[in-house]
Amino acid sequence: MKPPQLGLSLMACVLLACAGPLSEAESKFKAGLYPEASEMLASMERSAAGWDVQSRAEYSLYRGLCFGALGDLPRARFWLREVLSIEAAWPRALSDADLRRLRVAAEAADALPE
């Protein structure tokens, strides 16, 4: 049996491993570097499935926002639906700022024709 501290240390390392690149992709998005942000997020897609709820919600949001910014509305809608379902199952999975971004993006995507 592992000592509790070792388990917590391992969990902290896993959280930091996903937070670094995700934060960098978000920064690129916020700087208007949508292709670069999208490329970074795409490279994380496989590992993102195993992340904690908050990180997956954040990942899905920025994935959708990037696709929207790049004009790929079907993919943007897919990822926005994904984060909406995460947020419905786990309210407060997103920060207040990201929740506002989600609401604005989802309304804008719904307003555009399929």
N, C-alpha and C. Protein backbone atom coordinates (compact mmCIF):
# COMPACT_ATOMS: atom_id res chain seq x y z
N MET A 1 0.84 -1.19 0.00
CA MET A 1 0.00 0.00 0.00
C MET A 1 0.88 1.24 0.00
N LYS A 2 0.53 2.20 -0.85
CA LYS A 2 1.32 3.42 -0.96
C LYS A 2 1.00 4.35 0.21
N PRO A 3 2.00 5.03 0.71
CA PRO A 3 1.72 6.06 1.71
C PRO A 3 0.86 7.16 1.07
N PRO A 4 -0.05 7.78 1.83
CA PRO A 4 -0.92 8.81 1.27
C PRO A 4 -0.17 9.94 0.57
N GLN A 5 0.97 10.34 1.10
CA GLN A 5 1.72 11.43 0.49
C GLN A 5 2.20 11.09 -0.91
N LEU A 6 2.60 9.85 -1.13
CA LEU A 6 3.07 9.44 -2.44
C LEU A 6 1.94 9.52 -3.45
N GLY A 7 0.75 9.06 -3.06
CA GLY A 7 -0.40 9.12 -3.95
C GLY A 7 -0.75 10.55 -4.30
N LEU A 8 -0.72 11.44 -3.32
CA LEU A 8 -1.02 12.85 -3.58
C LEU A 8 0.05 13.49 -4.45
N SER A 9 1.30 13.13 -4.24
CA SER A 9 2.38 13.67 -5.06
C SER A 9 2.23 13.22 -6.51
N LEU A 10 1.87 11.97 -6.70
CA LEU A 10 1.68 11.46 -8.05
C LEU A 10 0.52 12.18 -8.73
N MET A 11 -0.58 12.39 -8.00
CA MET A 11 -1.73 13.09 -8.56
C MET A 11 -1.35 14.53 -8.91
N ALA A 12 -0.58 15.18 -8.08
CA ALA A 12 -0.16 16.55 -8.36
C ALA A 12 0.68 16.60 -9.63
N CYS A 13 1.55 15.63 -9.82
CA CYS A 13 2.38 15.58 -11.03
C CYS A 13 1.52 15.40 -12.28
N VAL A 14 0.52 14.54 -12.19
CA VAL A 14 -0.37 14.33 -13.33
C VAL A 14 -1.12 15.62 -13.66
N LEU A 15 -1.63 16.31 -12.65
CA LEU A 15 -2.35 17.56 -12.88
C LEU A 15 -1.44 18.62 -13.49
N LEU A 16 -0.22 18.71 -13.02
CA LEU A 16 0.72 19.69 -13.57
C LEU A 16 1.11 19.34 -14.99
N ALA A 17 1.21 18.06 -15.29
CA ALA A 17 1.59 17.64 -16.63
C ALA A 17 0.56 18.09 -17.66
N CYS A 18 -0.72 18.03 -17.31
CA CYS A 18 -1.73 18.46 -18.28
C CYS A 18 -1.95 19.96 -18.21
N ALA A 19 -1.73 20.58 -17.08
CA ALA A 19 -1.99 22.01 -16.93
C ALA A 19 -1.02 22.87 -17.74
N GLY A 20 0.24 22.51 -17.80
CA GLY A 20 1.24 23.31 -18.49
C GLY A 20 0.91 23.53 -19.96
N PRO A 21 0.82 22.46 -20.75
CA PRO A 21 0.52 22.64 -22.18
C PRO A 21 -0.88 23.23 -22.41
N LEU A 22 -1.84 22.87 -21.58
CA LEU A 22 -3.18 23.40 -21.73
C LEU A 22 -3.17 24.91 -21.48
N SER A 23 -2.48 25.34 -20.45
CA SER A 23 -2.37 26.78 -20.16
C SER A 23 -1.68 27.51 -21.30
N GLU A 24 -0.67 26.89 -21.87
CA GLU A 24 0.04 27.50 -22.99
C GLU A 24 -0.87 27.64 -24.21
N ALA A 25 -1.66 26.61 -24.47
CA ALA A 25 -2.61 26.66 -25.60
C ALA A 25 -3.65 27.76 -25.37
N GLU A 26 -4.13 27.87 -24.13
CA GLU A 26 -5.10 28.93 -23.81
C GLU A 26 -4.47 30.30 -24.02
N SER A 27 -3.23 30.46 -23.61
CA SER A 27 -2.53 31.74 -23.80
C SER A 27 -2.41 32.08 -25.28
N LYS A 28 -2.10 31.08 -26.08
CA LYS A 28 -2.00 31.31 -27.52
C LYS A 28 -3.37 31.72 -28.09
N PHE A 29 -4.43 31.04 -27.63
CA PHE A 29 -5.76 31.40 -28.09
C PHE A 29 -6.08 32.85 -27.72
N LYS A 30 -5.84 33.20 -26.47
CA LYS A 30 -6.16 34.55 -25.99
C LYS A 30 -5.32 35.61 -26.70
N ALA A 31 -4.16 35.22 -27.22
CA ALA A 31 -3.31 36.15 -27.97
C ALA A 31 -3.71 36.20 -29.45
N GLY A 32 -4.73 35.45 -29.82
CA GLY A 32 -5.18 35.45 -31.21
C GLY A 32 -4.40 34.52 -32.11
N LEU A 33 -3.58 33.67 -31.54
CA LEU A 33 -2.79 32.72 -32.32
C LEU A 33 -3.57 31.40 -32.46
N TYR A 34 -4.69 31.48 -33.17
CA TYR A 34 -5.62 30.36 -33.23
C TYR A 34 -5.06 29.10 -33.87
N PRO A 35 -4.34 29.19 -35.00
CA PRO A 35 -3.79 27.96 -35.57
C PRO A 35 -2.81 27.27 -34.63
N GLU A 36 -1.96 28.05 -33.97
CA GLU A 36 -0.98 27.48 -33.04
C GLU A 36 -1.68 26.84 -31.84
N ALA A 37 -2.67 27.53 -31.30
CA ALA A 37 -3.42 27.00 -30.16
C ALA A 37 -4.13 25.71 -30.56
N SER A 38 -4.75 25.73 -31.73
CA SER A 38 -5.48 24.55 -32.21
C SER A 38 -4.54 23.36 -32.40
N GLU A 39 -3.37 23.63 -32.94
CA GLU A 39 -2.38 22.57 -33.14
C GLU A 39 -1.92 21.97 -31.80
N MET A 40 -1.68 22.85 -30.83
CA MET A 40 -1.27 22.36 -29.50
C MET A 40 -2.37 21.51 -28.88
N LEU A 41 -3.61 21.98 -28.97
CA LEU A 41 -4.73 21.24 -28.39
C LEU A 41 -4.90 19.89 -29.09
N ALA A 42 -4.74 19.88 -30.41
CA ALA A 42 -4.86 18.63 -31.16
C ALA A 42 -3.83 17.61 -30.69
N SER A 43 -2.64 18.07 -30.37
CA SER A 43 -1.60 17.15 -29.92
C SER A 43 -1.89 16.56 -28.54
N MET A 44 -2.81 17.19 -27.80
CA MET A 44 -3.17 16.72 -26.45
C MET A 44 -4.43 15.85 -26.44
N GLU A 45 -5.09 15.74 -27.57
CA GLU A 45 -6.42 15.13 -27.59
C GLU A 45 -6.45 13.73 -26.98
N ARG A 46 -5.51 12.91 -27.32
CA ARG A 46 -5.50 11.53 -26.81
C ARG A 46 -5.35 11.50 -25.29
N SER A 47 -4.45 12.29 -24.76
CA SER A 47 -4.21 12.27 -23.31
C SER A 47 -5.32 13.00 -22.54
N ALA A 48 -6.00 13.95 -23.18
CA ALA A 48 -7.04 14.73 -22.50
C ALA A 48 -8.18 13.86 -21.99
N ALA A 49 -8.43 12.75 -22.64
CA ALA A 49 -9.52 11.86 -22.23
C ALA A 49 -9.31 11.34 -20.80
N GLY A 50 -8.09 11.27 -20.34
CA GLY A 50 -7.79 10.77 -19.00
C GLY A 50 -7.63 11.86 -17.95
N TRP A 51 -7.82 13.10 -18.31
CA TRP A 51 -7.63 14.20 -17.37
C TRP A 51 -8.82 14.31 -16.43
N ASP A 52 -8.64 15.08 -15.36
CA ASP A 52 -9.73 15.35 -14.42
C ASP A 52 -10.81 16.17 -15.13
N VAL A 53 -11.98 16.23 -14.51
CA VAL A 53 -13.15 16.87 -15.11
C VAL A 53 -12.88 18.32 -15.49
N GLN A 54 -12.29 19.08 -14.59
CA GLN A 54 -12.05 20.50 -14.87
C GLN A 54 -11.12 20.69 -16.07
N SER A 55 -10.07 19.90 -16.14
CA SER A 55 -9.13 20.03 -17.25
C SER A 55 -9.77 19.60 -18.57
N ARG A 56 -10.58 18.54 -18.54
CA ARG A 56 -11.28 18.11 -19.77
C ARG A 56 -12.28 19.17 -20.23
N ALA A 57 -12.97 19.79 -19.28
CA ALA A 57 -13.92 20.85 -19.64
C ALA A 57 -13.18 22.02 -20.28
N GLU A 58 -12.10 22.42 -19.67
CA GLU A 58 -11.29 23.53 -20.18
C GLU A 58 -10.73 23.19 -21.57
N TYR A 59 -10.22 21.98 -21.70
CA TYR A 59 -9.68 21.52 -22.98
C TYR A 59 -10.76 21.58 -24.06
N SER A 60 -11.93 21.02 -23.76
CA SER A 60 -13.03 20.98 -24.73
C SER A 60 -13.48 22.38 -25.11
N LEU A 61 -13.54 23.28 -24.13
CA LEU A 61 -13.93 24.65 -24.41
C LEU A 61 -12.96 25.30 -25.40
N TYR A 62 -11.68 25.24 -25.11
CA TYR A 62 -10.72 25.91 -25.98
C TYR A 62 -10.57 25.22 -27.32
N ARG A 63 -10.82 23.93 -27.36
CA ARG A 63 -10.84 23.21 -28.64
C ARG A 63 -11.97 23.77 -29.50
N GLY A 64 -13.15 23.92 -28.88
CA GLY A 64 -14.29 24.48 -29.60
C GLY A 64 -14.09 25.93 -30.00
N LEU A 65 -13.53 26.71 -29.09
CA LEU A 65 -13.28 28.12 -29.40
C LEU A 65 -12.30 28.26 -30.56
N CYS A 66 -11.26 27.43 -30.57
CA CYS A 66 -10.28 27.49 -31.66
C CYS A 66 -10.93 27.14 -32.99
N PHE A 67 -11.71 26.06 -33.01
CA PHE A 67 -12.36 25.70 -34.27
C PHE A 67 -13.30 26.82 -34.73
N GLY A 68 -14.01 27.42 -33.78
CA GLY A 68 -14.88 28.53 -34.14
C GLY A 68 -14.11 29.71 -34.71
N ALA A 69 -13.00 30.05 -34.08
CA ALA A 69 -12.18 31.17 -34.54
C ALA A 69 -11.58 30.89 -35.92
N LEU A 70 -11.36 29.62 -36.21
CA LEU A 70 -10.79 29.24 -37.51
C LEU A 70 -11.86 28.99 -38.57
N GLY A 71 -13.14 29.17 -38.19
CA GLY A 71 -14.22 29.03 -39.15
C GLY A 71 -14.73 27.62 -39.38
N ASP A 72 -14.32 26.68 -38.57
CA ASP A 72 -14.79 25.29 -38.70
C ASP A 72 -15.96 25.08 -37.74
N LEU A 73 -17.13 25.53 -38.16
CA LEU A 73 -18.31 25.53 -37.30
C LEU A 73 -18.77 24.13 -36.87
N PRO A 74 -18.77 23.13 -37.75
CA PRO A 74 -19.19 21.79 -37.28
C PRO A 74 -18.31 21.25 -36.15
N ARG A 75 -17.01 21.41 -36.26
CA ARG A 75 -16.13 20.95 -35.18
C ARG A 75 -16.27 21.82 -33.94
N ALA A 76 -16.46 23.11 -34.13
CA ALA A 76 -16.67 24.00 -32.98
C ALA A 76 -17.91 23.56 -32.21
N ARG A 77 -18.99 23.29 -32.93
CA ARG A 77 -20.22 22.85 -32.27
C ARG A 77 -20.01 21.54 -31.53
N PHE A 78 -19.28 20.61 -32.15
CA PHE A 78 -19.01 19.33 -31.50
C PHE A 78 -18.36 19.54 -30.13
N TRP A 79 -17.29 20.34 -30.09
CA TRP A 79 -16.56 20.55 -28.85
C TRP A 79 -17.33 21.39 -27.85
N LEU A 80 -18.11 22.34 -28.34
CA LEU A 80 -18.93 23.14 -27.43
C LEU A 80 -20.03 22.27 -26.80
N ARG A 81 -20.60 21.36 -27.59
CA ARG A 81 -21.58 20.42 -27.01
C ARG A 81 -20.92 19.54 -25.96
N GLU A 82 -19.70 19.14 -26.24
CA GLU A 82 -18.95 18.30 -25.29
C GLU A 82 -18.78 19.02 -23.96
N VAL A 83 -18.33 20.26 -24.00
CA VAL A 83 -18.12 20.99 -22.75
C VAL A 83 -19.45 21.34 -22.08
N LEU A 84 -20.49 21.58 -22.86
CA LEU A 84 -21.81 21.82 -22.27
C LEU A 84 -22.29 20.59 -21.50
N SER A 85 -22.04 19.40 -22.05
CA SER A 85 -22.47 18.18 -21.34
C SER A 85 -21.61 17.94 -20.10
N ILE A 86 -20.34 18.27 -20.15
CA ILE A 86 -19.49 18.15 -18.96
C ILE A 86 -20.00 19.10 -17.89
N GLU A 87 -20.26 20.34 -18.28
CA GLU A 87 -20.72 21.34 -17.32
C GLU A 87 -22.09 20.98 -16.76
N ALA A 88 -22.95 20.35 -17.56
CA ALA A 88 -24.27 19.92 -17.07
C ALA A 88 -24.13 18.81 -16.03
N ALA A 89 -23.19 17.90 -16.25
CA ALA A 89 -22.99 16.78 -15.32
C ALA A 89 -22.20 17.21 -14.08
N TRP A 90 -21.27 18.14 -14.25
CA TRP A 90 -20.44 18.61 -13.15
C TRP A 90 -20.47 20.13 -13.12
N PRO A 91 -21.55 20.71 -12.59
CA PRO A 91 -21.63 22.18 -12.54
C PRO A 91 -20.39 22.77 -11.85
N ARG A 92 -19.96 23.89 -12.39
CA ARG A 92 -18.78 24.59 -11.87
C ARG A 92 -17.47 23.89 -12.27
N ALA A 93 -17.53 23.06 -13.30
CA ALA A 93 -16.29 22.46 -13.80
C ALA A 93 -15.40 23.53 -14.42
N LEU A 94 -16.04 24.57 -14.95
CA LEU A 94 -15.30 25.68 -15.56
C LEU A 94 -15.22 26.86 -14.60
N SER A 95 -14.21 27.66 -14.78
CA SER A 95 -14.11 28.92 -14.02
C SER A 95 -15.23 29.85 -14.49
N ASP A 96 -15.49 30.89 -13.73
CA ASP A 96 -16.53 31.85 -14.12
C ASP A 96 -16.23 32.47 -15.49
N ALA A 97 -14.99 32.84 -15.71
CA ALA A 97 -14.61 33.45 -16.99
C ALA A 97 -14.82 32.48 -18.14
N ASP A 98 -14.41 31.22 -17.96
CA ASP A 98 -14.59 30.24 -19.02
C ASP A 98 -16.05 29.88 -19.22
N LEU A 99 -16.83 29.90 -18.16
CA LEU A 99 -18.27 29.65 -18.28
C LEU A 99 -18.92 30.75 -19.12
N ARG A 100 -18.50 31.99 -18.92
CA ARG A 100 -19.01 33.10 -19.74
C ARG A 100 -18.60 32.90 -21.21
N ARG A 101 -17.35 32.51 -21.43
CA ARG A 101 -16.89 32.26 -22.81
C ARG A 101 -17.74 31.17 -23.46
N LEU A 102 -18.01 30.12 -22.71
CA LEU A 102 -18.82 29.01 -23.23
C LEU A 102 -20.20 29.50 -23.62
N ARG A 103 -20.84 30.25 -22.75
CA ARG A 103 -22.21 30.74 -23.03
C ARG A 103 -22.24 31.60 -24.28
N VAL A 104 -21.28 32.51 -24.41
CA VAL A 104 -21.23 33.39 -25.58
C VAL A 104 -20.98 32.57 -26.85
N ALA A 105 -20.02 31.66 -26.80
CA ALA A 105 -19.68 30.85 -27.97
C ALA A 105 -20.84 29.93 -28.36
N ALA A 106 -21.49 29.31 -27.37
CA ALA A 106 -22.61 28.41 -27.67
C ALA A 106 -23.77 29.17 -28.29
N GLU A 107 -24.07 30.37 -27.77
CA GLU A 107 -25.14 31.19 -28.35
C GLU A 107 -24.81 31.60 -29.77
N ALA A 108 -23.57 31.99 -30.00
CA ALA A 108 -23.15 32.40 -31.34
C ALA A 108 -23.22 31.22 -32.31
N ALA A 109 -22.77 30.05 -31.88
CA ALA A 109 -22.80 28.87 -32.74
C ALA A 109 -24.23 28.46 -33.06
N ASP A 110 -25.12 28.58 -32.08
CA ASP A 110 -26.53 28.23 -32.30
C ASP A 110 -27.20 29.22 -33.26
N ALA A 111 -26.75 30.45 -33.27
CA ALA A 111 -27.36 31.48 -34.10
C ALA A 111 -26.98 31.34 -35.57
N LEU A 112 -25.90 30.60 -35.84
CA LEU A 112 -25.45 30.44 -37.23
C LEU A 112 -26.09 29.20 -37.84
N PRO A 113 -26.34 29.24 -39.16
CA PRO A 113 -26.95 28.07 -39.80
C PRO A 113 -26.00 26.88 -39.81
N GLU A 114 -26.60 25.70 -39.77
CA GLU A 114 -25.80 24.46 -39.81
C GLU A 114 -25.16 24.40 -41.14
